[in-house]
Amino acid sequence: MEYYLIIIALIIIIYLSVKLDKLDGRMKSMQYSLDQLTKQLGLPDNPINDELRELIKAGEDVKAVKKARETLGLSLLEGKDYIDKLKSDIVNG
């Protein structure tokens, strides 16, 4: 009986993992579309980005990640990715 419960739990975990991966892909696609629309329409950048760029330029990446997380409601990984993207935009832009 215990094996059946373990198997059912594993199936549920795998199913949820697949669904979560699909949702993540859809969100990335939507973010890309929003970024493209923002550029095409000439809309201003998120106001917090100026402050985050200043922190990055001052070498305060950890503070920038913390500020991004607090302001935008991001997870630690999302905050780091957000700051890394801003940092690459600074270098490439």
PDB file of N, CA and C in Angstrom:
ATOM      1  N   MET A   1       0.827  -1.205   0.000  1.00  0.00           N
ATOM      2  CA  MET A   1       0.000   0.000   0.000  1.00  0.00           C
ATOM      3  C   MET A   1       0.872   1.271   0.000  1.00  0.00           C
ATOM      4  N   GLU A   2       1.964   1.235   0.748  1.00  0.00           N
ATOM      5  CA  GLU A   2       2.846   2.396   0.812  1.00  0.00           C
ATOM      6  C   GLU A   2       3.476   2.683  -0.546  1.00  0.00           C
ATOM      7  N   TYR A   3       3.794   1.621  -1.280  1.00  0.00           N
ATOM      8  CA  TYR A   3       4.406   1.814  -2.589  1.00  0.00           C
ATOM      9  C   TYR A   3       3.462   2.538  -3.539  1.00  0.00           C
ATOM     10  N   TYR A   4       2.178   2.252  -3.450  1.00  0.00           N
ATOM     11  CA  TYR A   4       1.206   2.921  -4.297  1.00  0.00           C
ATOM     12  C   TYR A   4       1.161   4.412  -3.996  1.00  0.00           C
ATOM     13  N   LEU A   5       1.205   4.752  -2.727  1.00  0.00           N
ATOM     14  CA  LEU A   5       1.190   6.165  -2.344  1.00  0.00           C
ATOM     15  C   LEU A   5       2.446   6.884  -2.821  1.00  0.00           C
ATOM     16  N   ILE A   6       3.579   6.213  -2.737  1.00  0.00           N
ATOM     17  CA  ILE A   6       4.839   6.796  -3.206  1.00  0.00           C
ATOM     18  C   ILE A   6       4.791   6.994  -4.714  1.00  0.00           C
ATOM     19  N   ILE A   7       4.284   6.015  -5.428  1.00  0.00           N
ATOM     20  CA  ILE A   7       4.175   6.107  -6.889  1.00  0.00           C
ATOM     21  C   ILE A   7       3.225   7.233  -7.279  1.00  0.00           C
ATOM     22  N   ILE A   8       2.089   7.328  -6.606  1.00  0.00           N
ATOM     23  CA  ILE A   8       1.127   8.406  -6.893  1.00  0.00           C
ATOM     24  C   ILE A   8       1.749   9.764  -6.598  1.00  0.00           C
ATOM     25  N   ALA A   9       2.475   9.874  -5.487  1.00  0.00           N
ATOM     26  CA  ALA A   9       3.133  11.140  -5.144  1.00  0.00           C
ATOM     27  C   ALA A   9       4.169  11.512  -6.199  1.00  0.00           C
ATOM     28  N   LEU A  10       4.941  10.547  -6.679  1.00  0.00           N
ATOM     29  CA  LEU A  10       5.928  10.814  -7.714  1.00  0.00           C
ATOM     30  C   LEU A  10       5.270  11.258  -9.016  1.00  0.00           C
ATOM     31  N   ILE A  11       4.168  10.631  -9.364  1.00  0.00           N
ATOM     32  CA  ILE A  11       3.450  11.011 -10.585  1.00  0.00           C
ATOM     33  C   ILE A  11       2.940  12.443 -10.459  1.00  0.00           C
ATOM     34  N   ILE A  12       2.404  12.782  -9.304  1.00  0.00           N
ATOM     35  CA  ILE A  12       1.906  14.143  -9.082  1.00  0.00           C
ATOM     36  C   ILE A  12       3.044  15.149  -9.146  1.00  0.00           C
ATOM     37  N   ILE A  13       4.180  14.824  -8.559  1.00  0.00           N
ATOM     38  CA  ILE A  13       5.334  15.724  -8.579  1.00  0.00           C
ATOM     39  C   ILE A  13       5.827  15.929 -10.009  1.00  0.00           C
ATOM     40  N   ILE A  14       5.902  14.869 -10.771  1.00  0.00           N
ATOM     41  CA  ILE A  14       6.344  14.974 -12.172  1.00  0.00           C
ATOM     42  C   ILE A  14       5.355  15.812 -12.973  1.00  0.00           C
ATOM     43  N   TYR A  15       4.066  15.573 -12.776  1.00  0.00           N
ATOM     44  CA  TYR A  15       3.036  16.329 -13.482  1.00  0.00           C
ATOM     45  C   TYR A  15       3.134  17.815 -13.159  1.00  0.00           C
ATOM     46  N   LEU A  16       3.256  18.142 -11.884  1.00  0.00           N
ATOM     47  CA  LEU A  16       3.359  19.537 -11.474  1.00  0.00           C
ATOM     48  C   LEU A  16       4.643  20.186 -11.994  1.00  0.00           C
ATOM     49  N   SER A  17       5.715  19.424 -12.031  1.00  0.00           N
ATOM     50  CA  SER A  17       6.977  19.937 -12.547  1.00  0.00           C
ATOM     51  C   SER A  17       6.857  20.294 -14.030  1.00  0.00           C
ATOM     52  N   VAL A  18       6.208  19.435 -14.794  1.00  0.00           N
ATOM     53  CA  VAL A  18       6.002  19.699 -16.222  1.00  0.00           C
ATOM     54  C   VAL A  18       5.124  20.937 -16.412  1.00  0.00           C
ATOM     55  N   LYS A  19       4.053  21.038 -15.641  1.00  0.00           N
ATOM     56  CA  LYS A  19       3.167  22.200 -15.735  1.00  0.00           C
ATOM     57  C   LYS A  19       3.903  23.480 -15.381  1.00  0.00           C
ATOM     58  N   LEU A  20       4.709  23.445 -14.329  1.00  0.00           N
ATOM     59  CA  LEU A  20       5.470  24.608 -13.901  1.00  0.00           C
ATOM     60  C   LEU A  20       6.470  25.033 -14.967  1.00  0.00           C
ATOM     61  N   ASP A  21       7.104  24.067 -15.605  1.00  0.00           N
ATOM     62  CA  ASP A  21       8.053  24.366 -16.674  1.00  0.00           C
ATOM     63  C   ASP A  21       7.345  25.036 -17.847  1.00  0.00           C
ATOM     64  N   LYS A  22       6.159  24.556 -18.194  1.00  0.00           N
ATOM     65  CA  LYS A  22       5.389  25.167 -19.278  1.00  0.00           C
ATOM     66  C   LYS A  22       4.981  26.593 -18.924  1.00  0.00           C
ATOM     67  N   LEU A  23       4.557  26.808 -17.686  1.00  0.00           N
ATOM     68  CA  LEU A  23       4.188  28.151 -17.248  1.00  0.00           C
ATOM     69  C   LEU A  23       5.382  29.094 -17.295  1.00  0.00           C
ATOM     70  N   ASP A  24       6.539  28.607 -16.899  1.00  0.00           N
ATOM     71  CA  ASP A  24       7.748  29.414 -16.936  1.00  0.00           C
ATOM     72  C   ASP A  24       8.059  29.830 -18.376  1.00  0.00           C
ATOM     73  N   GLY A  25       7.931  28.916 -19.296  1.00  0.00           N
ATOM     74  CA  GLY A  25       8.152  29.225 -20.700  1.00  0.00           C
ATOM     75  C   GLY A  25       7.170  30.255 -21.223  1.00  0.00           C
ATOM     76  N   ARG A  26       5.915  30.124 -20.839  1.00  0.00           N
ATOM     77  CA  ARG A  26       4.906  31.088 -21.271  1.00  0.00           C
ATOM     78  C   ARG A  26       5.185  32.472 -20.702  1.00  0.00           C
ATOM     79  N   MET A  27       5.615  32.528 -19.438  1.00  0.00           N
ATOM     80  CA  MET A  27       5.921  33.816 -18.824  1.00  0.00           C
ATOM     81  C   MET A  27       7.110  34.488 -19.501  1.00  0.00           C
ATOM     82  N   LYS A  28       8.130  33.703 -19.847  1.00  0.00           N
ATOM     83  CA  LYS A  28       9.285  34.267 -20.547  1.00  0.00           C
ATOM     84  C   LYS A  28       8.868  34.802 -21.911  1.00  0.00           C
ATOM     85  N   SER A  29       7.995  34.092 -22.587  1.00  0.00           N
ATOM     86  CA  SER A  29       7.493  34.541 -23.879  1.00  0.00           C
ATOM     87  C   SER A  29       6.710  35.846 -23.736  1.00  0.00           C
ATOM     88  N   MET A  30       5.883  35.927 -22.717  1.00  0.00           N
ATOM     89  CA  MET A  30       5.110  37.139 -22.480  1.00  0.00           C
ATOM     90  C   MET A  30       6.020  38.312 -22.124  1.00  0.00           C
ATOM     91  N   GLN A  31       7.056  38.059 -21.330  1.00  0.00           N
ATOM     92  CA  GLN A  31       7.994  39.122 -20.969  1.00  0.00           C
ATOM     93  C   GLN A  31       8.721  39.632 -22.205  1.00  0.00           C
ATOM     94  N   TYR A  32       9.109  38.726 -23.075  1.00  0.00           N
ATOM     95  CA  TYR A  32       9.768  39.115 -24.331  1.00  0.00           C
ATOM     96  C   TYR A  32       8.838  40.009 -25.150  1.00  0.00           C
ATOM     97  N   SER A  33       7.566  39.605 -25.255  1.00  0.00           N
ATOM     98  CA  SER A  33       6.593  40.393 -26.015  1.00  0.00           C
ATOM     99  C   SER A  33       6.416  41.784 -25.407  1.00  0.00           C
ATOM    100  N   LEU A  34       6.336  41.848 -24.075  1.00  0.00           N
ATOM    101  CA  LEU A  34       6.212  43.138 -23.405  1.00  0.00           C
ATOM    102  C   LEU A  34       7.439  44.015 -23.647  1.00  0.00           C
ATOM    103  N   ASP A  35       8.616  43.421 -23.590  1.00  0.00           N
ATOM    104  CA  ASP A  35       9.844  44.176 -23.848  1.00  0.00           C
ATOM    105  C   ASP A  35       9.844  44.744 -25.270  1.00  0.00           C
ATOM    106  N   GLN A  36       9.420  43.934 -26.233  1.00  0.00           N
ATOM    107  CA  GLN A  36       9.382  44.383 -27.621  1.00  0.00           C
ATOM    108  C   GLN A  36       8.369  45.511 -27.808  1.00  0.00           C
ATOM    109  N   LEU A  37       7.198  45.371 -27.191  1.00  0.00           N
ATOM    110  CA  LEU A  37       6.180  46.418 -27.286  1.00  0.00           C
ATOM    111  C   LEU A  37       6.659  47.714 -26.651  1.00  0.00           C
ATOM    112  N   THR A  38       7.322  47.599 -25.515  1.00  0.00           N
ATOM    113  CA  THR A  38       7.846  48.777 -24.830  1.00  0.00           C
ATOM    114  C   THR A  38       8.833  49.516 -25.720  1.00  0.00           C
ATOM    115  N   LYS A  39       9.712  48.773 -26.376  1.00  0.00           N
ATOM    116  CA  LYS A  39      10.693  49.400 -27.274  1.00  0.00           C
ATOM    117  C   LYS A  39      10.015  50.045 -28.477  1.00  0.00           C
ATOM    118  N   GLN A  40       9.058  49.323 -29.095  1.00  0.00           N
ATOM    119  CA  GLN A  40       8.407  49.827 -30.305  1.00  0.00           C
ATOM    120  C   GLN A  40       7.570  51.073 -30.033  1.00  0.00           C
ATOM    121  N   LEU A  41       6.928  51.102 -28.853  1.00  0.00           N
ATOM    122  CA  LEU A  41       6.069  52.235 -28.523  1.00  0.00           C
ATOM    123  C   LEU A  41       6.844  53.377 -27.869  1.00  0.00           C
ATOM    124  N   GLY A  42       8.103  53.138 -27.571  1.00  0.00           N
ATOM    125  CA  GLY A  42       8.918  54.175 -26.944  1.00  0.00           C
ATOM    126  C   GLY A  42       8.507  54.484 -25.523  1.00  0.00           C
ATOM    127  N   LEU A  43       7.952  53.494 -24.836  1.00  0.00           N
ATOM    128  CA  LEU A  43       7.530  53.700 -23.455  1.00  0.00           C
ATOM    129  C   LEU A  43       8.755  53.776 -22.545  1.00  0.00           C
ATOM    130  N   PRO A  44       8.655  54.542 -21.472  1.00  0.00           N
ATOM    131  CA  PRO A  44       9.811  54.662 -20.583  1.00  0.00           C
ATOM    132  C   PRO A  44      10.094  53.360 -19.849  1.00  0.00           C
ATOM    133  N   ASP A  45      11.345  53.207 -19.480  1.00  0.00           N
ATOM    134  CA  ASP A  45      11.797  52.056 -18.715  1.00  0.00           C
ATOM    135  C   ASP A  45      11.168  52.102 -17.318  1.00  0.00           C
ATOM    136  N   ASN A  46      11.141  50.959 -16.641  1.00  0.00           N
ATOM    137  CA  ASN A  46      10.653  50.913 -15.269  1.00  0.00           C
ATOM    138  C   ASN A  46      11.460  51.913 -14.440  1.00  0.00           C
ATOM    139  N   PRO A  47      10.809  52.823 -13.707  1.00  0.00           N
ATOM    140  CA  PRO A  47      11.536  53.867 -12.971  1.00  0.00           C
ATOM    141  C   PRO A  47      12.585  53.339 -11.988  1.00  0.00           C
ATOM    142  N   ILE A  48      12.376  52.164 -11.437  1.00  0.00           N
ATOM    143  CA  ILE A  48      13.336  51.614 -10.479  1.00  0.00           C
ATOM    144  C   ILE A  48      14.648  51.250 -11.161  1.00  0.00           C
ATOM    145  N   ASN A  49      14.621  51.022 -12.469  1.00  0.00           N
ATOM    146  CA  ASN A  49      15.836  50.599 -13.172  1.00  0.00           C
ATOM    147  C   ASN A  49      16.958  51.630 -13.098  1.00  0.00           C
ATOM    148  N   ASP A  50      16.613  52.908 -13.073  1.00  0.00           N
ATOM    149  CA  ASP A  50      17.651  53.937 -12.950  1.00  0.00           C
ATOM    150  C   ASP A  50      18.403  53.792 -11.631  1.00  0.00           C
ATOM    151  N   GLU A  51      17.654  53.598 -10.560  1.00  0.00           N
ATOM    152  CA  GLU A  51      18.281  53.405  -9.242  1.00  0.00           C
ATOM    153  C   GLU A  51      19.106  52.122  -9.207  1.00  0.00           C
ATOM    154  N   LEU A  52      18.580  51.075  -9.819  1.00  0.00           N
ATOM    155  CA  LEU A  52      19.304  49.804  -9.845  1.00  0.00           C
ATOM    156  C   LEU A  52      20.588  49.929 -10.652  1.00  0.00           C
ATOM    157  N   ARG A  53      20.547  50.654 -11.761  1.00  0.00           N
ATOM    158  CA  ARG A  53      21.753  50.855 -12.570  1.00  0.00           C
ATOM    159  C   ARG A  53      22.820  51.613 -11.789  1.00  0.00           C
ATOM    160  N   GLU A  54      22.388  52.596 -11.000  1.00  0.00           N
ATOM    161  CA  GLU A  54      23.346  53.346 -10.180  1.00  0.00           C
ATOM    162  C   GLU A  54      24.005  52.434  -9.151  1.00  0.00           C
ATOM    163  N   LEU A  55      23.223  51.554  -8.541  1.00  0.00           N
ATOM    164  CA  LEU A  55      23.793  50.601  -7.581  1.00  0.00           C
ATOM    165  C   LEU A  55      24.780  49.661  -8.274  1.00  0.00           C
ATOM    166  N   ILE A  56      24.428  49.218  -9.461  1.00  0.00           N
ATOM    167  CA  ILE A  56      25.312  48.324 -10.215  1.00  0.00           C
ATOM    168  C   ILE A  56      26.617  49.034 -10.551  1.00  0.00           C
ATOM    169  N   LYS A  57      26.521  50.274 -11.040  1.00  0.00           N
ATOM    170  CA  LYS A  57      27.721  51.037 -11.398  1.00  0.00           C
ATOM    171  C   LYS A  57      28.608  51.279 -10.184  1.00  0.00           C
ATOM    172  N   ALA A  58      28.000  51.371  -8.996  1.00  0.00           N
ATOM    173  CA  ALA A  58      28.762  51.583  -7.764  1.00  0.00           C
ATOM    174  C   ALA A  58      29.311  50.265  -7.207  1.00  0.00           C
ATOM    175  N   GLY A  59      29.052  49.166  -7.900  1.00  0.00           N
ATOM    176  CA  GLY A  59      29.541  47.869  -7.450  1.00  0.00           C
ATOM    177  C   GLY A  59      28.716  47.263  -6.334  1.00  0.00           C
ATOM    178  N   GLU A  60      27.503  47.751  -6.178  1.00  0.00           N
ATOM    179  CA  GLU A  60      26.607  47.290  -5.109  1.00  0.00           C
ATOM    180  C   GLU A  60      25.565  46.311  -5.669  1.00  0.00           C
ATOM    181  N   ASP A  61      26.034  45.238  -6.284  1.00  0.00           N
ATOM    182  CA  ASP A  61      25.120  44.275  -6.917  1.00  0.00           C
ATOM    183  C   ASP A  61      24.168  43.633  -5.910  1.00  0.00           C
ATOM    184  N   VAL A  62      24.678  43.320  -4.725  1.00  0.00           N
ATOM    185  CA  VAL A  62      23.832  42.672  -3.713  1.00  0.00           C
ATOM    186  C   VAL A  62      22.705  43.608  -3.291  1.00  0.00           C
ATOM    187  N   LYS A  63      23.027  44.878  -3.082  1.00  0.00           N
ATOM    188  CA  LYS A  63      21.989  45.856  -2.732  1.00  0.00           C
ATOM    189  C   LYS A  63      21.002  46.019  -3.883  1.00  0.00           C
ATOM    190  N   ALA A  64      21.496  45.959  -5.112  1.00  0.00           N
ATOM    191  CA  ALA A  64      20.626  46.080  -6.282  1.00  0.00           C
ATOM    192  C   ALA A  64      19.647  44.904  -6.349  1.00  0.00           C
ATOM    193  N   VAL A  65      20.156  43.705  -6.092  1.00  0.00           N
ATOM    194  CA  VAL A  65      19.278  42.522  -6.089  1.00  0.00           C
ATOM    195  C   VAL A  65      18.233  42.663  -4.994  1.00  0.00           C
ATOM    196  N   LYS A  66      18.650  43.098  -3.815  1.00  0.00           N
ATOM    197  CA  LYS A  66      17.709  43.261  -2.695  1.00  0.00           C
ATOM    198  C   LYS A  66      16.640  44.294  -3.035  1.00  0.00           C
ATOM    199  N   LYS A  67      17.060  45.418  -3.614  1.00  0.00           N
ATOM    200  CA  LYS A  67      16.110  46.476  -3.989  1.00  0.00           C
ATOM    201  C   LYS A  67      15.142  45.984  -5.059  1.00  0.00           C
ATOM    202  N   ALA A  68      15.654  45.249  -6.038  1.00  0.00           N
ATOM    203  CA  ALA A  68      14.792  44.693  -7.090  1.00  0.00           C
ATOM    204  C   ALA A  68      13.775  43.725  -6.502  1.00  0.00           C
ATOM    205  N   ARG A  69      14.231  42.887  -5.578  1.00  0.00           N
ATOM    206  CA  ARG A  69      13.326  41.924  -4.950  1.00  0.00           C
ATOM    207  C   ARG A  69      12.232  42.634  -4.169  1.00  0.00           C
ATOM    208  N   GLU A  70      12.623  43.642  -3.387  1.00  0.00           N
ATOM    209  CA  GLU A  70      11.644  44.363  -2.562  1.00  0.00           C
ATOM    210  C   GLU A  70      10.645  45.132  -3.427  1.00  0.00           C
ATOM    211  N   THR A  71      11.147  45.778  -4.461  1.00  0.00           N
ATOM    212  CA  THR A  71      10.302  46.648  -5.282  1.00  0.00           C
ATOM    213  C   THR A  71       9.430  45.869  -6.260  1.00  0.00           C
ATOM    214  N   LEU A  72      10.014  44.865  -6.882  1.00  0.00           N
ATOM    215  CA  LEU A  72       9.302  44.141  -7.942  1.00  0.00           C
ATOM    216  C   LEU A  72       8.689  42.832  -7.487  1.00  0.00           C
ATOM    217  N   GLY A  73       8.953  42.429  -6.240  1.00  0.00           N
ATOM    218  CA  GLY A  73       8.372  41.190  -5.718  1.00  0.00           C
ATOM    219  C   GLY A  73       8.966  39.944  -6.349  1.00  0.00           C
ATOM    220  N   LEU A  74      10.270  39.965  -6.582  1.00  0.00           N
ATOM    221  CA  LEU A  74      10.935  38.845  -7.242  1.00  0.00           C
ATOM    222  C   LEU A  74      11.529  37.881  -6.227  1.00  0.00           C
ATOM    223  N   SER A  75      11.725  36.650  -6.670  1.00  0.00           N
ATOM    224  CA  SER A  75      12.453  35.679  -5.853  1.00  0.00           C
ATOM    225  C   SER A  75      13.940  36.038  -5.934  1.00  0.00           C
ATOM    226  N   LEU A  76      14.756  35.375  -5.138  1.00  0.00           N
ATOM    227  CA  LEU A  76      16.187  35.642  -5.153  1.00  0.00           C
ATOM    228  C   LEU A  76      16.780  35.383  -6.534  1.00  0.00           C
ATOM    229  N   LEU A  77      16.423  34.256  -7.126  1.00  0.00           N
ATOM    230  CA  LEU A  77      16.941  33.919  -8.460  1.00  0.00           C
ATOM    231  C   LEU A  77      16.446  34.909  -9.512  1.00  0.00           C
ATOM    232  N   GLU A  78      15.174  35.269  -9.452  1.00  0.00           N
ATOM    233  CA  GLU A  78      14.625  36.232 -10.409  1.00  0.00           C
ATOM    234  C   GLU A  78      15.287  37.598 -10.246  1.00  0.00           C
ATOM    235  N   GLY A  79      15.534  37.993  -8.996  1.00  0.00           N
ATOM    236  CA  GLY A  79      16.198  39.264  -8.729  1.00  0.00           C
ATOM    237  C   GLY A  79      17.602  39.290  -9.290  1.00  0.00           C
ATOM    238  N   LYS A  80      18.337  38.208  -9.088  1.00  0.00           N
ATOM    239  CA  LYS A  80      19.701  38.126  -9.615  1.00  0.00           C
ATOM    240  C   LYS A  80      19.681  38.155 -11.141  1.00  0.00           C
ATOM    241  N   ASP A  81      18.760  37.409 -11.744  1.00  0.00           N
ATOM    242  CA  ASP A  81      18.645  37.413 -13.209  1.00  0.00           C
ATOM    243  C   ASP A  81      18.299  38.812 -13.727  1.00  0.00           C
ATOM    244  N   TYR A  82      17.426  39.506 -13.022  1.00  0.00           N
ATOM    245  CA  TYR A  82      17.014  40.858 -13.416  1.00  0.00           C
ATOM    246  C   TYR A  82      18.209  41.808 -13.393  1.00  0.00           C
ATOM    247  N   ILE A  83      18.993  41.728 -12.323  1.00  0.00           N
ATOM    248  CA  ILE A  83      20.173  42.580 -12.187  1.00  0.00           C
ATOM    249  C   ILE A  83      21.228  42.198 -13.218  1.00  0.00           C
ATOM    250  N   ASP A  84      21.406  40.916 -13.451  1.00  0.00           N
ATOM    251  CA  ASP A  84      22.361  40.477 -14.472  1.00  0.00           C
ATOM    252  C   ASP A  84      21.978  41.011 -15.848  1.00  0.00           C
ATOM    253  N   LYS A  85      20.684  41.044 -16.144  1.00  0.00           N
ATOM    254  CA  LYS A  85      20.222  41.570 -17.436  1.00  0.00           C
ATOM    255  C   LYS A  85      20.495  43.068 -17.514  1.00  0.00           C
ATOM    256  N   LEU A  86      20.216  43.795 -16.439  1.00  0.00           N
ATOM    257  CA  LEU A  86      20.521  45.228 -16.431  1.00  0.00           C
ATOM    258  C   LEU A  86      22.018  45.470 -16.588  1.00  0.00           C
ATOM    259  N   LYS A  87      22.798  44.636 -15.916  1.00  0.00           N
ATOM    260  CA  LYS A  87      24.253  44.774 -15.995  1.00  0.00           C
ATOM    261  C   LYS A  87      24.749  44.541 -17.417  1.00  0.00           C
ATOM    262  N   SER A  88      24.206  43.532 -18.086  1.00  0.00           N
ATOM    263  CA  SER A  88      24.613  43.282 -19.465  1.00  0.00           C
ATOM    264  C   SER A  88      24.150  44.388 -20.393  1.00  0.00           C
ATOM    265  N   ASP A  89      22.993  44.989 -20.100  1.00  0.00           N
ATOM    266  CA  ASP A  89      22.524  46.121 -20.905  1.00  0.00           C
ATOM    267  C   ASP A  89      23.456  47.320 -20.747  1.00  0.00           C
ATOM    268  N   ILE A  90      23.990  47.513 -19.537  1.00  0.00           N
ATOM    269  CA  ILE A  90      24.922  48.608 -19.283  1.00  0.00           C
ATOM    270  C   ILE A  90      26.192  48.397 -20.089  1.00  0.00           C
ATOM    271  N   VAL A  91      26.688  47.172 -20.066  1.00  0.00           N
ATOM    272  CA  VAL A  91      27.943  46.846 -20.770  1.00  0.00           C
ATOM    273  C   VAL A  91      27.748  46.935 -22.283  1.00  0.00           C
ATOM    274  N   ASN A  92      26.626  46.394 -22.774  1.00  0.00           N
ATOM    275  CA  ASN A  92      26.383  46.359 -24.222  1.00  0.00           C
ATOM    276  C   ASN A  92      25.765  47.630 -24.771  1.00  0.00           C
ATOM    277  N   GLY A  93      25.137  48.408 -23.882  1.00  0.00           N
ATOM    278  CA  GLY A  93      24.407  49.591 -24.359  1.00  0.00           C
ATOM    279  C   GLY A  93      25.204  50.791 -24.260  1.00  0.00           C
TER     280      GLY A  93
END
